[in-house]
Amino acid sequence: MKGDKFDNRQSIANVKVEIPLSKQQAGSLKGKYPVYLDGGKTVIFISDKSKEKETIERYNSRGKYVRP
C-alpha cells in the first residue's frame, strides 16, 4: 500500500507543506491585534495596528440592518 494516493494525501508530512506557518502555530493569532467593538461584545483581530481606528469607524458606520 505504499503507493496508495489516499494514504499519501492523509499523511501529515504531506499536508504540512500546504498549511501556512502562521496557521500551524497554536492559537494562530500571533502578530494580530485585538479590536474591541460594541463596548467589548465583539472582538476582531487585525494584523496592522495602525488601522485600528479605521476599523472601528467602518464598523460603526455600517448600516444596522433590521429584519422586517
Protein backbone atom coordinates (compact mmCIF):
# COMPACT_ATOMS: atom_id res chain seq x y z
CA MET A 1 0.00 0.00 0.00
CA LYS A 2 2.98 2.31 -0.28
CA GLY A 3 1.73 3.96 -3.46
CA ASP A 4 -1.86 4.46 -2.26
CA LYS A 5 -2.87 8.03 -3.13
CA PHE A 6 -5.40 8.29 -0.28
CA ASP A 7 -2.78 7.38 2.34
CA ASN A 8 -0.34 9.84 0.81
CA ARG A 9 -2.91 12.66 0.99
CA GLN A 10 -3.71 11.89 4.61
CA SER A 11 -0.06 11.82 5.66
CA ILE A 12 0.74 14.75 7.94
CA ALA A 13 4.14 15.13 6.32
CA ASN A 14 2.46 15.99 3.01
CA VAL A 15 -0.25 18.23 4.44
CA LYS A 16 2.11 20.48 6.44
CA VAL A 17 3.68 21.85 3.27
CA GLU A 18 0.37 23.37 2.15
CA ILE A 19 -0.61 24.94 5.51
CA PRO A 20 0.93 28.38 6.19
CA LEU A 21 3.29 28.59 9.17
CA SER A 22 1.01 31.09 10.92
CA LYS A 23 -1.81 28.53 10.88
CA GLN A 24 0.39 25.72 12.18
CA GLN A 25 1.24 27.58 15.38
CA ALA A 26 -1.04 27.15 18.36
CA GLY A 27 -3.60 29.94 18.55
CA SER A 28 -2.70 31.34 15.11
CA LEU A 29 -3.25 34.88 16.48
CA LYS A 30 0.44 35.56 16.68
CA GLY A 31 1.14 39.00 15.25
CA LYS A 32 -2.54 40.02 15.40
CA TYR A 33 -4.01 42.83 17.48
CA PRO A 34 -7.48 42.75 19.09
CA VAL A 35 -10.02 45.44 18.25
CA TYR A 36 -12.97 45.66 20.63
CA LEU A 37 -16.29 46.70 19.12
CA ASP A 38 -19.76 47.22 20.61
CA GLY A 39 -18.35 48.00 24.03
CA GLY A 40 -16.43 44.74 24.15
CA LYS A 41 -19.21 42.47 22.87
CA THR A 42 -17.40 41.89 19.57
CA VAL A 43 -13.68 41.25 19.19
CA ILE A 44 -11.87 41.05 15.86
CA PHE A 45 -8.18 40.62 15.21
CA ILE A 46 -6.24 42.67 12.68
CA SER A 47 -2.64 42.40 11.55
CA ASP A 48 -1.99 46.13 11.17
CA LYS A 49 -2.40 48.03 14.45
CA SER A 50 -2.33 51.38 12.63
CA LYS A 51 -5.71 50.55 11.07
CA GLU A 52 -7.46 50.11 14.42
CA LYS A 53 -9.29 53.46 14.31
CA GLU A 54 -10.28 52.96 10.67
CA THR A 55 -11.69 49.52 11.51
CA ILE A 56 -13.73 50.90 14.41
CA GLU A 57 -15.08 53.74 12.25
CA ARG A 58 -16.04 51.37 9.43
CA TYR A 59 -17.80 49.07 11.88
CA ASN A 60 -19.73 51.95 13.48
CA SER A 61 -20.69 53.49 10.14
CA ARG A 62 -22.14 50.31 8.67
CA GLY A 63 -25.90 50.15 8.44
CA LYS A 64 -27.77 48.40 11.17
CA TYR A 65 -30.00 46.06 9.17
CA VAL A 66 -33.18 45.11 10.98
CA ARG A 67 -35.36 42.39 9.52
CA PRO A 68 -38.97 43.42 8.98
